[in-house]
């Protein structure tokens, strides 16, 4: 069976992931593409409950290891119940965050050895890896603060600048280590310019798929 296309959007909070997913989904739907949009943590009843626990600004502090297992539990649920069935039916799946987020937030920023995270990620995802990943890079901390200022911060967003600096650097390392899959995009560009870059890459993957090279 030829499966659908799996595309993830990554980046620090406030980088514009949800905006770009919405814009891309509209473009694809207008072109007659069957699209499913989801997010992590979330996307299932169980995942949304885990999301509330993880992001509640008044929730208790916890270790990076505890976070790793919570995110992984929610991910295992959405992979098996939502993402894999959608891909098997030939749909294009767009997700806001996937396993790369855990590698960056709990690994590069949280201090858990990357090899440990890779093992757990592989189990939680059943070995599933996105066909294409966009990392929206906010390289100026002032932009990060300005974009989050209008809204109440969640538990992760409330962490100090040193943590978020490690997150930004972690995403750059991720992109450098996976050039065949990950596209690093300057998130300070105008949204329409970012969308143009995203579209160019997505249509190339879809054309390759149609030509029978993406299985």
N, C-alpha and C. Protein backbone atom coordinates (compact mmCIF):
# COMPACT_ATOMS: atom_id res chain seq x y z
N UNK A 1 0.85 -1.20 0.00
CA UNK A 1 0.00 0.00 0.00
C UNK A 1 0.88 1.25 0.00
N UNK A 2 0.57 2.20 -0.88
CA UNK A 2 1.26 3.48 -0.90
C UNK A 2 0.60 4.38 0.13
N UNK A 3 1.38 4.83 1.11
CA UNK A 3 0.78 5.62 2.17
C UNK A 3 0.80 7.10 1.82
N UNK A 4 0.11 7.87 2.66
CA UNK A 4 0.05 9.31 2.45
C UNK A 4 1.35 10.00 2.84
N UNK A 5 1.28 11.30 3.00
CA UNK A 5 2.45 12.11 3.32
C UNK A 5 2.30 12.67 4.74
N UNK A 6 3.39 12.59 5.50
CA UNK A 6 3.40 13.04 6.88
C UNK A 6 4.33 14.23 7.02
N UNK A 7 3.78 15.39 7.41
CA UNK A 7 4.55 16.63 7.50
C UNK A 7 4.41 17.23 8.89
N UNK A 8 5.53 17.52 9.51
CA UNK A 8 5.50 18.12 10.85
C UNK A 8 6.06 19.53 10.83
N UNK A 9 5.54 20.35 11.75
CA UNK A 9 6.01 21.72 11.94
C UNK A 9 6.57 21.83 13.35
N UNK A 10 7.81 22.30 13.44
CA UNK A 10 8.50 22.40 14.71
C UNK A 10 9.02 23.82 14.92
N UNK A 11 9.46 24.08 16.13
CA UNK A 11 10.01 25.39 16.45
C UNK A 11 9.62 25.80 17.85
N UNK A 12 10.28 26.82 18.37
CA UNK A 12 9.96 27.28 19.72
C UNK A 12 8.57 27.91 19.75
N UNK A 13 8.06 28.10 20.95
CA UNK A 13 6.74 28.71 21.10
C UNK A 13 6.75 30.12 20.51
N UNK A 14 5.66 30.46 19.82
CA UNK A 14 5.56 31.78 19.21
C UNK A 14 6.21 31.89 17.85
N UNK A 15 6.65 30.77 17.29
CA UNK A 15 7.35 30.83 16.00
C UNK A 15 6.41 30.86 14.80
N UNK A 16 5.12 30.62 15.01
CA UNK A 16 4.16 30.70 13.91
C UNK A 16 3.76 29.37 13.31
N UNK A 17 3.97 28.29 14.04
CA UNK A 17 3.64 26.97 13.52
C UNK A 17 2.17 26.82 13.17
N UNK A 18 1.29 27.18 14.10
CA UNK A 18 -0.15 27.00 13.87
C UNK A 18 -0.63 27.85 12.71
N UNK A 19 -0.07 29.04 12.56
CA UNK A 19 -0.44 29.91 11.44
C UNK A 19 -0.08 29.27 10.11
N UNK A 20 1.14 28.76 10.01
CA UNK A 20 1.59 28.17 8.76
C UNK A 20 0.84 26.87 8.44
N UNK A 21 0.52 26.08 9.46
CA UNK A 21 -0.26 24.87 9.22
C UNK A 21 -1.63 25.22 8.67
N UNK A 22 -2.26 26.23 9.25
CA UNK A 22 -3.59 26.64 8.79
C UNK A 22 -3.53 27.12 7.34
N UNK A 23 -2.54 27.93 7.01
CA UNK A 23 -2.41 28.45 5.65
C UNK A 23 -2.13 27.33 4.66
N UNK A 24 -1.24 26.41 5.03
CA UNK A 24 -0.91 25.30 4.13
C UNK A 24 -2.10 24.38 3.94
N UNK A 25 -2.82 24.08 5.01
CA UNK A 25 -3.98 23.21 4.91
C UNK A 25 -5.02 23.80 3.95
N UNK A 26 -5.23 25.10 4.04
CA UNK A 26 -6.18 25.75 3.14
C UNK A 26 -5.73 25.63 1.69
N UNK A 27 -4.44 25.83 1.43
CA UNK A 27 -3.92 25.73 0.07
C UNK A 27 -4.09 24.31 -0.47
N UNK A 28 -3.76 23.32 0.36
CA UNK A 28 -3.86 21.94 -0.09
C UNK A 28 -5.31 21.52 -0.33
N UNK A 29 -6.20 21.94 0.55
CA UNK A 29 -7.60 21.61 0.38
C UNK A 29 -8.17 22.25 -0.89
N UNK A 30 -7.76 23.48 -1.15
CA UNK A 30 -8.20 24.16 -2.37
C UNK A 30 -7.74 23.42 -3.62
N UNK A 31 -6.62 22.70 -3.50
CA UNK A 31 -6.09 21.95 -4.62
C UNK A 31 -6.64 20.52 -4.67
N UNK A 32 -7.58 20.22 -3.79
CA UNK A 32 -8.21 18.91 -3.81
C UNK A 32 -7.48 17.83 -3.03
N UNK A 33 -6.54 18.24 -2.18
CA UNK A 33 -5.78 17.27 -1.39
C UNK A 33 -6.54 16.97 -0.09
N UNK A 34 -6.61 15.70 0.27
CA UNK A 34 -7.28 15.28 1.50
C UNK A 34 -6.31 15.47 2.67
N UNK A 35 -6.62 16.42 3.54
CA UNK A 35 -5.69 16.82 4.60
C UNK A 35 -6.27 16.55 5.97
N UNK A 36 -5.39 16.08 6.88
CA UNK A 36 -5.73 15.96 8.29
C UNK A 36 -4.76 16.84 9.08
N UNK A 37 -5.29 17.71 9.93
CA UNK A 37 -4.47 18.57 10.78
C UNK A 37 -4.60 18.12 12.22
N UNK A 38 -3.47 17.96 12.89
CA UNK A 38 -3.50 17.56 14.29
C UNK A 38 -2.38 18.26 15.04
N UNK A 39 -2.22 17.94 16.32
CA UNK A 39 -1.19 18.60 17.12
C UNK A 39 -0.73 17.69 18.24
N UNK A 40 0.44 18.03 18.78
CA UNK A 40 0.98 17.31 19.94
C UNK A 40 1.38 18.30 21.03
N UNK A 41 1.22 17.93 22.29
CA UNK A 41 0.37 16.80 22.69
C UNK A 41 -1.08 17.14 22.44
N UNK A 42 -1.85 16.15 22.14
CA UNK A 42 -3.26 16.35 21.84
C UNK A 42 -3.69 15.45 20.71
N UNK A 43 -4.75 15.85 20.01
CA UNK A 43 -5.19 15.09 18.86
C UNK A 43 -6.07 13.89 19.16
N UNK A 44 -6.11 13.48 20.42
CA UNK A 44 -7.01 12.42 20.88
C UNK A 44 -7.56 12.86 22.23
N UNK A 45 -8.60 12.19 22.70
CA UNK A 45 -9.15 12.54 24.00
C UNK A 45 -8.09 12.40 25.09
N UNK A 46 -7.35 11.30 25.04
CA UNK A 46 -6.29 11.07 26.02
C UNK A 46 -5.19 12.13 25.88
N UNK A 47 -4.80 12.40 24.65
CA UNK A 47 -3.74 13.36 24.41
C UNK A 47 -4.08 14.76 24.89
N UNK A 48 -5.34 15.15 24.74
CA UNK A 48 -5.74 16.48 25.20
C UNK A 48 -5.70 16.57 26.73
N UNK A 49 -6.00 15.48 27.41
CA UNK A 49 -5.89 15.46 28.87
C UNK A 49 -4.43 15.60 29.29
N UNK A 50 -3.55 14.90 28.59
CA UNK A 50 -2.12 15.01 28.89
C UNK A 50 -1.64 16.43 28.62
N UNK A 51 -2.14 17.03 27.57
CA UNK A 51 -1.76 18.41 27.24
C UNK A 51 -2.09 19.36 28.39
N UNK A 52 -3.27 19.20 28.96
CA UNK A 52 -3.67 20.06 30.07
C UNK A 52 -2.73 19.91 31.26
N UNK A 53 -2.33 18.67 31.53
CA UNK A 53 -1.41 18.42 32.64
C UNK A 53 -0.06 19.07 32.37
N UNK A 54 0.45 18.92 31.16
CA UNK A 54 1.78 19.40 30.83
C UNK A 54 1.87 20.92 30.73
N UNK A 55 0.82 21.55 30.23
CA UNK A 55 0.91 22.99 29.94
C UNK A 55 0.24 23.88 30.98
N UNK A 56 -0.46 23.30 31.94
CA UNK A 56 -1.12 24.09 32.97
C UNK A 56 -0.09 24.96 33.71
N UNK A 57 -0.25 26.28 33.60
CA UNK A 57 0.72 27.19 34.21
C UNK A 57 0.76 27.07 35.72
N UNK A 58 -0.31 26.57 36.31
CA UNK A 58 -0.37 26.40 37.77
C UNK A 58 -0.04 24.98 38.20
N UNK A 59 0.31 24.14 37.26
CA UNK A 59 0.61 22.76 37.58
C UNK A 59 1.95 22.61 38.30
N UNK A 60 2.18 21.46 38.89
CA UNK A 60 3.42 21.23 39.65
C UNK A 60 4.64 21.13 38.73
N UNK A 61 5.80 21.46 39.27
CA UNK A 61 7.04 21.25 38.54
C UNK A 61 7.28 19.75 38.41
N UNK A 62 8.08 19.37 37.43
CA UNK A 62 8.37 17.95 37.23
C UNK A 62 9.73 17.83 36.53
N UNK A 63 10.25 16.65 36.52
CA UNK A 63 11.54 16.41 35.89
C UNK A 63 11.38 16.27 34.38
N UNK A 64 12.48 16.44 33.66
CA UNK A 64 12.45 16.23 32.21
C UNK A 64 12.09 14.80 31.87
N UNK A 65 12.51 13.85 32.73
CA UNK A 65 12.20 12.44 32.47
C UNK A 65 10.70 12.19 32.58
N UNK A 66 10.05 12.80 33.57
CA UNK A 66 8.61 12.65 33.70
C UNK A 66 7.91 13.23 32.47
N UNK A 67 8.38 14.38 32.01
CA UNK A 67 7.80 14.99 30.80
C UNK A 67 7.98 14.07 29.60
N UNK A 68 9.15 13.48 29.49
CA UNK A 68 9.43 12.57 28.37
C UNK A 68 8.39 11.46 28.29
N UNK A 69 8.07 10.86 29.42
CA UNK A 69 7.13 9.74 29.41
C UNK A 69 5.69 10.22 29.15
N UNK A 70 5.34 11.40 29.64
CA UNK A 70 3.99 11.92 29.39
C UNK A 70 3.81 12.25 27.91
N UNK A 71 4.76 12.96 27.34
CA UNK A 71 4.67 13.28 25.92
C UNK A 71 4.65 12.00 25.08
N UNK A 72 5.45 11.04 25.46
CA UNK A 72 5.54 9.79 24.69
C UNK A 72 4.24 9.00 24.76
N UNK A 73 3.59 9.02 25.92
CA UNK A 73 2.31 8.32 26.06
C UNK A 73 1.26 8.94 25.15
N UNK A 74 1.19 10.26 25.14
CA UNK A 74 0.23 10.94 24.26
C UNK A 74 0.57 10.67 22.79
N UNK A 75 1.85 10.62 22.50
CA UNK A 75 2.28 10.38 21.11
C UNK A 75 1.93 8.97 20.65
N UNK A 76 2.14 8.00 21.50
CA UNK A 76 1.80 6.62 21.14
C UNK A 76 0.32 6.50 20.79
N UNK A 77 -0.51 7.23 21.54
CA UNK A 77 -1.96 7.18 21.30
C UNK A 77 -2.33 7.79 19.96
N UNK A 78 -1.78 8.97 19.67
CA UNK A 78 -2.17 9.64 18.42
C UNK A 78 -1.59 8.93 17.20
N UNK A 79 -0.41 8.36 17.33
CA UNK A 79 0.19 7.63 16.20
C UNK A 79 -0.68 6.46 15.81
N UNK A 80 -1.10 5.66 16.81
CA UNK A 80 -1.83 4.45 16.50
C UNK A 80 -3.30 4.70 16.16
N UNK A 81 -3.89 5.68 16.79
CA UNK A 81 -5.33 5.91 16.60
C UNK A 81 -5.64 6.91 15.48
N UNK A 82 -4.72 7.82 15.18
CA UNK A 82 -5.03 8.90 14.24
C UNK A 82 -4.09 8.93 13.04
N UNK A 83 -2.79 9.05 13.30
CA UNK A 83 -1.85 9.32 12.21
C UNK A 83 -1.68 8.14 11.27
N UNK A 84 -1.40 6.97 11.81
CA UNK A 84 -1.19 5.81 10.94
C UNK A 84 -2.44 5.48 10.12
N UNK A 85 -3.64 5.45 10.72
CA UNK A 85 -4.83 5.20 9.89
C UNK A 85 -5.00 6.24 8.78
N UNK A 86 -4.71 7.50 9.07
CA UNK A 86 -4.85 8.54 8.05
C UNK A 86 -3.85 8.33 6.92
N UNK A 87 -2.62 8.00 7.26
CA UNK A 87 -1.60 7.76 6.24
C UNK A 87 -1.93 6.52 5.41
N UNK A 88 -2.45 5.50 6.06
CA UNK A 88 -2.81 4.29 5.33
C UNK A 88 -3.95 4.51 4.35
N UNK A 89 -4.76 5.53 4.63
CA UNK A 89 -5.85 5.85 3.70
C UNK A 89 -5.42 6.86 2.64
N UNK A 90 -4.13 7.23 2.65
CA UNK A 90 -3.60 8.10 1.61
C UNK A 90 -3.69 9.59 1.88
N UNK A 91 -4.03 9.98 3.10
CA UNK A 91 -4.20 11.40 3.41
C UNK A 91 -2.85 12.08 3.68
N UNK A 92 -2.85 13.40 3.54
CA UNK A 92 -1.71 14.21 3.95
C UNK A 92 -1.96 14.64 5.39
N UNK A 93 -1.04 14.31 6.28
CA UNK A 93 -1.18 14.64 7.69
C UNK A 93 -0.22 15.78 8.04
N UNK A 94 -0.78 16.85 8.59
CA UNK A 94 0.01 17.98 9.07
C UNK A 94 -0.08 18.00 10.59
N UNK A 95 1.05 17.97 11.26
CA UNK A 95 1.03 18.00 12.71
C UNK A 95 1.87 19.14 13.26
N UNK A 96 1.32 19.81 14.26
CA UNK A 96 2.08 20.81 15.00
C UNK A 96 2.81 20.08 16.12
N UNK A 97 4.08 19.85 15.90
CA UNK A 97 4.99 19.11 16.77
C UNK A 97 4.85 17.59 16.60
N UNK A 98 5.99 16.94 16.75
CA UNK A 98 6.03 15.48 16.78
C UNK A 98 7.24 15.07 17.62
N UNK A 99 7.85 13.95 17.33
CA UNK A 99 8.91 13.43 18.19
C UNK A 99 10.12 14.35 18.28
N UNK A 100 10.36 15.15 17.25
CA UNK A 100 11.49 16.09 17.29
C UNK A 100 11.37 17.06 18.47
N UNK A 101 10.15 17.41 18.84
CA UNK A 101 9.97 18.31 19.97
C UNK A 101 10.53 17.70 21.25
N UNK A 102 10.33 16.41 21.43
CA UNK A 102 10.85 15.74 22.61
C UNK A 102 12.37 15.70 22.58
N UNK A 103 12.93 15.42 21.40
CA UNK A 103 14.39 15.43 21.27
C UNK A 103 14.97 16.77 21.68
N UNK A 104 14.30 17.85 21.28
CA UNK A 104 14.81 19.20 21.57
C UNK A 104 14.51 19.65 22.99
N UNK A 105 13.23 19.58 23.39
CA UNK A 105 12.84 20.14 24.70
C UNK A 105 13.34 19.30 25.87
N UNK A 106 13.18 17.98 25.80
CA UNK A 106 13.60 17.15 26.92
C UNK A 106 15.05 16.67 26.76
N UNK A 107 15.56 16.71 25.52
CA UNK A 107 16.93 16.29 25.26
C UNK A 107 17.91 17.44 25.29
N UNK A 108 18.00 18.18 24.18
CA UNK A 108 18.96 19.27 24.11
C UNK A 108 18.75 20.32 25.20
N UNK A 109 17.50 20.64 25.51
CA UNK A 109 17.23 21.66 26.53
C UNK A 109 17.08 21.07 27.92
N UNK A 110 16.54 19.85 28.02
CA UNK A 110 16.26 19.26 29.33
C UNK A 110 17.33 18.36 29.90
N UNK A 111 18.31 17.99 29.06
CA UNK A 111 19.45 17.25 29.57
C UNK A 111 19.38 15.74 29.52
N UNK A 112 18.29 15.16 29.02
CA UNK A 112 18.22 13.70 28.90
C UNK A 112 19.08 13.27 27.71
N UNK A 113 19.91 12.25 27.84
CA UNK A 113 20.75 11.81 26.72
C UNK A 113 19.92 11.54 25.46
N UNK A 114 20.42 12.03 24.34
CA UNK A 114 19.68 11.92 23.08
C UNK A 114 19.42 10.47 22.70
N UNK A 115 20.37 9.58 22.99
CA UNK A 115 20.18 8.18 22.62
C UNK A 115 19.02 7.55 23.41
N UNK A 116 18.81 8.01 24.64
CA UNK A 116 17.67 7.53 25.43
C UNK A 116 16.36 8.00 24.80
N UNK A 117 16.33 9.26 24.43
CA UNK A 117 15.13 9.82 23.82
C UNK A 117 14.84 9.16 22.48
N UNK A 118 15.86 8.92 21.69
CA UNK A 118 15.65 8.27 20.39
C UNK A 118 15.03 6.89 20.55
N UNK A 119 15.47 6.16 21.56
CA UNK A 119 14.91 4.83 21.81
C UNK A 119 13.44 4.91 22.18
N UNK A 120 13.10 5.81 23.09
CA UNK A 120 11.71 5.96 23.53
C UNK A 120 10.85 6.51 22.41
N UNK A 121 11.37 7.49 21.67
CA UNK A 121 10.63 8.02 20.52
C UNK A 121 10.29 6.93 19.52
N UNK A 122 11.26 6.07 19.26
CA UNK A 122 11.06 5.00 18.27
C UNK A 122 9.96 4.04 18.70
N UNK A 123 9.90 3.75 20.00
CA UNK A 123 8.84 2.88 20.51
C UNK A 123 7.49 3.57 20.42
N UNK A 124 7.43 4.82 20.88
CA UNK A 124 6.16 5.56 20.91
C UNK A 124 5.58 5.81 19.52
N UNK A 125 6.46 5.98 18.53
CA UNK A 125 5.99 6.31 17.18
C UNK A 125 5.85 5.09 16.28
N UNK A 126 6.19 3.90 16.81
CA UNK A 126 6.23 2.68 15.97
C UNK A 126 7.19 2.86 14.80
N UNK A 127 8.24 3.66 15.02
CA UNK A 127 9.23 3.89 13.98
C UNK A 127 8.82 4.91 12.93
N UNK A 128 7.69 5.57 13.12
CA UNK A 128 7.20 6.53 12.14
C UNK A 128 8.00 7.83 12.21
N UNK A 129 8.46 8.31 11.05
CA UNK A 129 9.21 9.56 10.94
C UNK A 129 8.54 10.43 9.87
N UNK A 130 8.40 11.72 10.10
CA UNK A 130 7.78 12.58 9.07
C UNK A 130 8.56 12.52 7.76
N UNK A 131 7.83 12.66 6.65
CA UNK A 131 8.48 12.76 5.35
C UNK A 131 9.18 14.09 5.20
N UNK A 132 8.65 15.10 5.87
CA UNK A 132 9.18 16.46 5.76
C UNK A 132 8.90 17.20 7.06
N UNK A 133 9.89 17.92 7.54
CA UNK A 133 9.74 18.69 8.78
C UNK A 133 10.20 20.12 8.56
N UNK A 134 9.36 21.07 8.96
CA UNK A 134 9.72 22.47 8.90
C UNK A 134 10.03 22.96 10.31
N UNK A 135 11.21 23.53 10.49
CA UNK A 135 11.57 24.15 11.76
C UNK A 135 11.53 25.66 11.56
N UNK A 136 10.60 26.32 12.25
CA UNK A 136 10.50 27.77 12.18
C UNK A 136 11.42 28.35 13.25
N UNK A 137 12.47 29.00 12.81
CA UNK A 137 13.56 29.41 13.68
C UNK A 137 13.42 30.87 14.10
N UNK A 138 13.20 31.09 15.39
CA UNK A 138 13.19 32.44 15.94
C UNK A 138 14.57 32.68 16.55
N UNK A 139 15.42 33.38 15.81
CA UNK A 139 16.81 33.52 16.25
C UNK A 139 17.06 34.74 17.12
N UNK A 140 16.01 35.49 17.43
CA UNK A 140 16.13 36.68 18.27
C UNK A 140 15.22 36.52 19.48
N UNK A 141 15.77 36.40 20.69
CA UNK A 141 14.94 36.22 21.90
C UNK A 141 13.90 37.32 22.07
N UNK A 142 14.18 38.52 21.58
CA UNK A 142 13.22 39.62 21.71
C UNK A 142 11.94 39.33 20.94
N UNK A 143 12.09 38.68 19.78
CA UNK A 143 10.92 38.30 18.99
C UNK A 143 10.08 37.29 19.75
N UNK A 144 10.76 36.33 20.38
CA UNK A 144 10.08 35.32 21.18
C UNK A 144 9.23 35.97 22.26
N UNK A 145 9.80 36.91 22.99
CA UNK A 145 9.07 37.57 24.08
C UNK A 145 7.94 38.44 23.53
N UNK A 146 8.20 39.14 22.45
CA UNK A 146 7.17 40.02 21.87
C UNK A 146 5.96 39.23 21.41
N UNK A 147 6.19 38.05 20.83
CA UNK A 147 5.08 37.26 20.30
C UNK A 147 4.26 36.61 21.41
N UNK A 148 4.91 36.31 22.53
CA UNK A 148 4.18 35.68 23.63
C UNK A 148 3.55 36.69 24.58
N UNK A 149 3.98 37.94 24.50
CA UNK A 149 3.52 38.96 25.44
C UNK A 149 2.01 39.12 25.52
N UNK A 150 1.26 39.08 24.38
CA UNK A 150 -0.19 39.33 24.46
C UNK A 150 -0.99 38.23 25.15
N UNK A 151 -0.40 37.06 25.37
CA UNK A 151 -1.19 35.97 25.93
C UNK A 151 -0.55 35.43 27.21
N UNK A 152 -1.36 34.73 27.97
CA UNK A 152 -0.84 34.09 29.19
C UNK A 152 0.08 32.94 28.80
N UNK A 153 1.22 32.84 29.45
CA UNK A 153 2.19 31.81 29.12
C UNK A 153 1.83 30.48 29.79
N UNK A 154 2.09 29.38 29.07
CA UNK A 154 1.87 28.07 29.66
C UNK A 154 3.12 27.64 30.45
N UNK A 155 3.09 26.43 30.99
CA UNK A 155 4.15 25.96 31.89
C UNK A 155 5.52 25.96 31.19
N UNK A 156 5.55 25.57 29.92
CA UNK A 156 6.82 25.51 29.19
C UNK A 156 7.29 26.91 28.83
N UNK A 157 6.37 27.74 28.37
CA UNK A 157 6.72 29.10 27.96
C UNK A 157 7.25 29.93 29.12
N UNK A 158 6.87 29.58 30.34
CA UNK A 158 7.28 30.34 31.52
C UNK A 158 8.74 30.09 31.92
N UNK A 159 9.38 29.11 31.32
CA UNK A 159 10.76 28.81 31.69
C UNK A 159 11.70 29.94 31.27
N UNK A 160 12.88 29.97 31.88
CA UNK A 160 13.77 31.12 31.70
C UNK A 160 14.42 31.14 30.32
N UNK A 161 15.08 32.27 30.04
CA UNK A 161 15.67 32.48 28.72
C UNK A 161 16.76 31.46 28.40
N UNK A 162 17.47 30.99 29.42
CA UNK A 162 18.52 30.00 29.16
C UNK A 162 17.93 28.72 28.60
N UNK A 163 16.79 28.31 29.13
CA UNK A 163 16.12 27.10 28.63
C UNK A 163 15.70 27.30 27.18
N UNK A 164 15.06 28.42 26.90
CA UNK A 164 14.58 28.66 25.54
C UNK A 164 15.72 28.88 24.55
N UNK A 165 16.84 29.38 25.03
CA UNK A 165 18.01 29.49 24.17
C UNK A 165 18.51 28.10 23.79
N UNK A 166 18.49 27.17 24.74
CA UNK A 166 18.89 25.79 24.44
C UNK A 166 17.91 25.14 23.47
N UNK A 167 16.62 25.49 23.58
CA UNK A 167 15.62 24.97 22.64
C UNK A 167 15.94 25.45 21.23
N UNK A 168 16.19 26.75 21.08
CA UNK A 168 16.50 27.28 19.75
C UNK A 168 17.74 26.64 19.16
N UNK A 169 18.78 26.49 19.98
CA UNK A 169 20.01 25.87 19.51
C UNK A 169 19.77 24.39 19.19
N UNK A 170 18.94 23.73 19.98
CA UNK A 170 18.62 22.32 19.73
C UNK A 170 17.96 22.12 18.38
N UNK A 171 17.06 23.01 18.02
CA UNK A 171 16.41 22.89 16.72
C UNK A 171 17.38 23.10 15.57
N UNK A 172 18.34 24.00 15.76
CA UNK A 172 19.34 24.19 14.72
C UNK A 172 20.21 22.94 14.56
N UNK A 173 20.56 22.33 15.67
CA UNK A 173 21.34 21.09 15.62
C UNK A 173 20.54 19.98 14.95
N UNK A 174 19.25 19.93 15.24
CA UNK A 174 18.37 18.94 14.62
C UNK A 174 18.36 19.12 13.10
N UNK A 175 18.23 20.37 12.65
CA UNK A 175 18.19 20.64 11.22
C UNK A 175 19.51 20.28 10.54
N UNK A 176 20.61 20.63 11.17
CA UNK A 176 21.92 20.32 10.61
C UNK A 176 22.15 18.82 10.51
N UNK A 177 21.61 18.07 11.47
CA UNK A 177 21.81 16.63 11.49
C UNK A 177 20.87 15.84 10.60
N UNK A 178 19.83 16.50 10.07
CA UNK A 178 18.83 15.81 9.23
C UNK A 178 18.48 16.65 8.00
N UNK A 179 19.47 17.00 7.19
CA UNK A 179 19.22 17.90 6.06
C UNK A 179 18.29 17.34 4.99
N UNK A 180 18.18 16.01 4.92
CA UNK A 180 17.32 15.41 3.90
C UNK A 180 15.84 15.53 4.26
N UNK A 181 15.56 15.75 5.54
CA UNK A 181 14.16 15.82 5.99
C UNK A 181 13.76 17.19 6.53
N UNK A 182 14.66 17.87 7.20
CA UNK A 182 14.32 19.08 7.94
C UNK A 182 14.69 20.33 7.16
N UNK A 183 13.74 21.26 7.08
CA UNK A 183 13.97 22.55 6.44
C UNK A 183 13.91 23.64 7.51
N UNK A 184 15.00 24.35 7.69
CA UNK A 184 15.09 25.43 8.67
C UNK A 184 14.67 26.73 8.00
N UNK A 185 13.66 27.39 8.56
CA UNK A 185 13.12 28.62 7.96
C UNK A 185 13.16 29.75 8.97
N UNK A 186 13.58 30.91 8.54
CA UNK A 186 13.61 32.09 9.39
C UNK A 186 12.18 32.51 9.71
N UNK A 187 11.78 32.36 10.98
CA UNK A 187 10.40 32.64 11.38
C UNK A 187 10.09 34.12 11.44
N UNK A 188 11.11 34.98 11.29
CA UNK A 188 10.85 36.42 11.29
C UNK A 188 10.49 36.95 9.90
N UNK A 189 10.54 36.08 8.90
CA UNK A 189 10.11 36.48 7.56
C UNK A 189 8.60 36.73 7.56
N UNK A 190 8.09 37.52 6.61
CA UNK A 190 6.64 37.70 6.51
C UNK A 190 5.94 36.35 6.32
N UNK A 191 4.76 36.16 6.92
CA UNK A 191 4.06 34.87 6.82
C UNK A 191 3.88 34.38 5.40
N UNK A 192 3.61 35.29 4.46
CA UNK A 192 3.39 34.87 3.08
C UNK A 192 4.68 34.35 2.45
N UNK A 193 5.82 34.90 2.86
CA UNK A 193 7.10 34.42 2.35
C UNK A 193 7.40 33.03 2.92
N UNK A 194 7.13 32.83 4.20
CA UNK A 194 7.32 31.51 4.81
C UNK A 194 6.43 30.49 4.12
N UNK A 195 5.18 30.86 3.88
CA UNK A 195 4.25 29.94 3.22
C UNK A 195 4.76 29.54 1.84
N UNK A 196 5.32 30.49 1.11
CA UNK A 196 5.85 30.19 -0.23
C UNK A 196 6.97 29.14 -0.15
N UNK A 197 7.85 29.29 0.83
CA UNK A 197 8.93 28.32 1.02
C UNK A 197 8.35 26.95 1.39
N UNK A 198 7.39 26.96 2.30
CA UNK A 198 6.74 25.71 2.73
C UNK A 198 6.08 25.03 1.53
N UNK A 199 5.29 25.79 0.78
CA UNK A 199 4.59 25.22 -0.37
C UNK A 199 5.54 24.60 -1.38
N UNK A 200 6.63 25.29 -1.68
CA UNK A 200 7.59 24.78 -2.65
C UNK A 200 8.09 23.39 -2.24
N UNK A 201 8.40 23.24 -0.97
CA UNK A 201 8.90 21.96 -0.48
C UNK A 201 7.82 20.90 -0.44
N UNK A 202 6.61 21.27 -0.03
CA UNK A 202 5.52 20.30 0.06
C UNK A 202 5.12 19.79 -1.31
N UNK A 203 5.00 20.68 -2.29
CA UNK A 203 4.60 20.24 -3.61
C UNK A 203 5.65 19.34 -4.24
N UNK A 204 6.92 19.58 -3.93
CA UNK A 204 7.96 18.70 -4.44
C UNK A 204 7.77 17.28 -3.88
N UNK A 205 7.50 17.19 -2.58
CA UNK A 205 7.28 15.87 -1.97
C UNK A 205 6.05 15.21 -2.58
N UNK A 206 4.99 15.98 -2.79
CA UNK A 206 3.77 15.42 -3.37
C UNK A 206 4.00 14.98 -4.81
N UNK A 207 4.79 15.72 -5.56
CA UNK A 207 5.10 15.32 -6.94
C UNK A 207 5.91 14.03 -6.95
N UNK A 208 6.87 13.95 -6.04
CA UNK A 208 7.67 12.71 -5.95
C UNK A 208 6.78 11.52 -5.59
N UNK A 209 5.83 11.79 -4.70
CA UNK A 209 4.90 10.74 -4.28
C UNK A 209 4.07 10.26 -5.48
N UNK A 210 3.58 11.21 -6.23
CA UNK A 210 2.75 10.87 -7.39
C UNK A 210 3.55 10.09 -8.41
N UNK A 211 4.86 10.39 -8.45
CA UNK A 211 5.72 9.69 -9.41
C UNK A 211 6.14 8.32 -8.94
N UNK A 212 5.70 7.96 -7.70
CA UNK A 212 5.96 6.61 -7.21
C UNK A 212 7.25 6.43 -6.45
N UNK A 213 7.91 7.58 -6.11
CA UNK A 213 9.19 7.44 -5.42
C UNK A 213 9.03 7.50 -3.91
N UNK A 214 7.90 8.00 -3.41
CA UNK A 214 7.70 8.03 -1.96
C UNK A 214 6.75 6.91 -1.56
N UNK A 215 7.23 5.97 -0.81
CA UNK A 215 6.43 4.79 -0.47
C UNK A 215 6.10 4.80 1.01
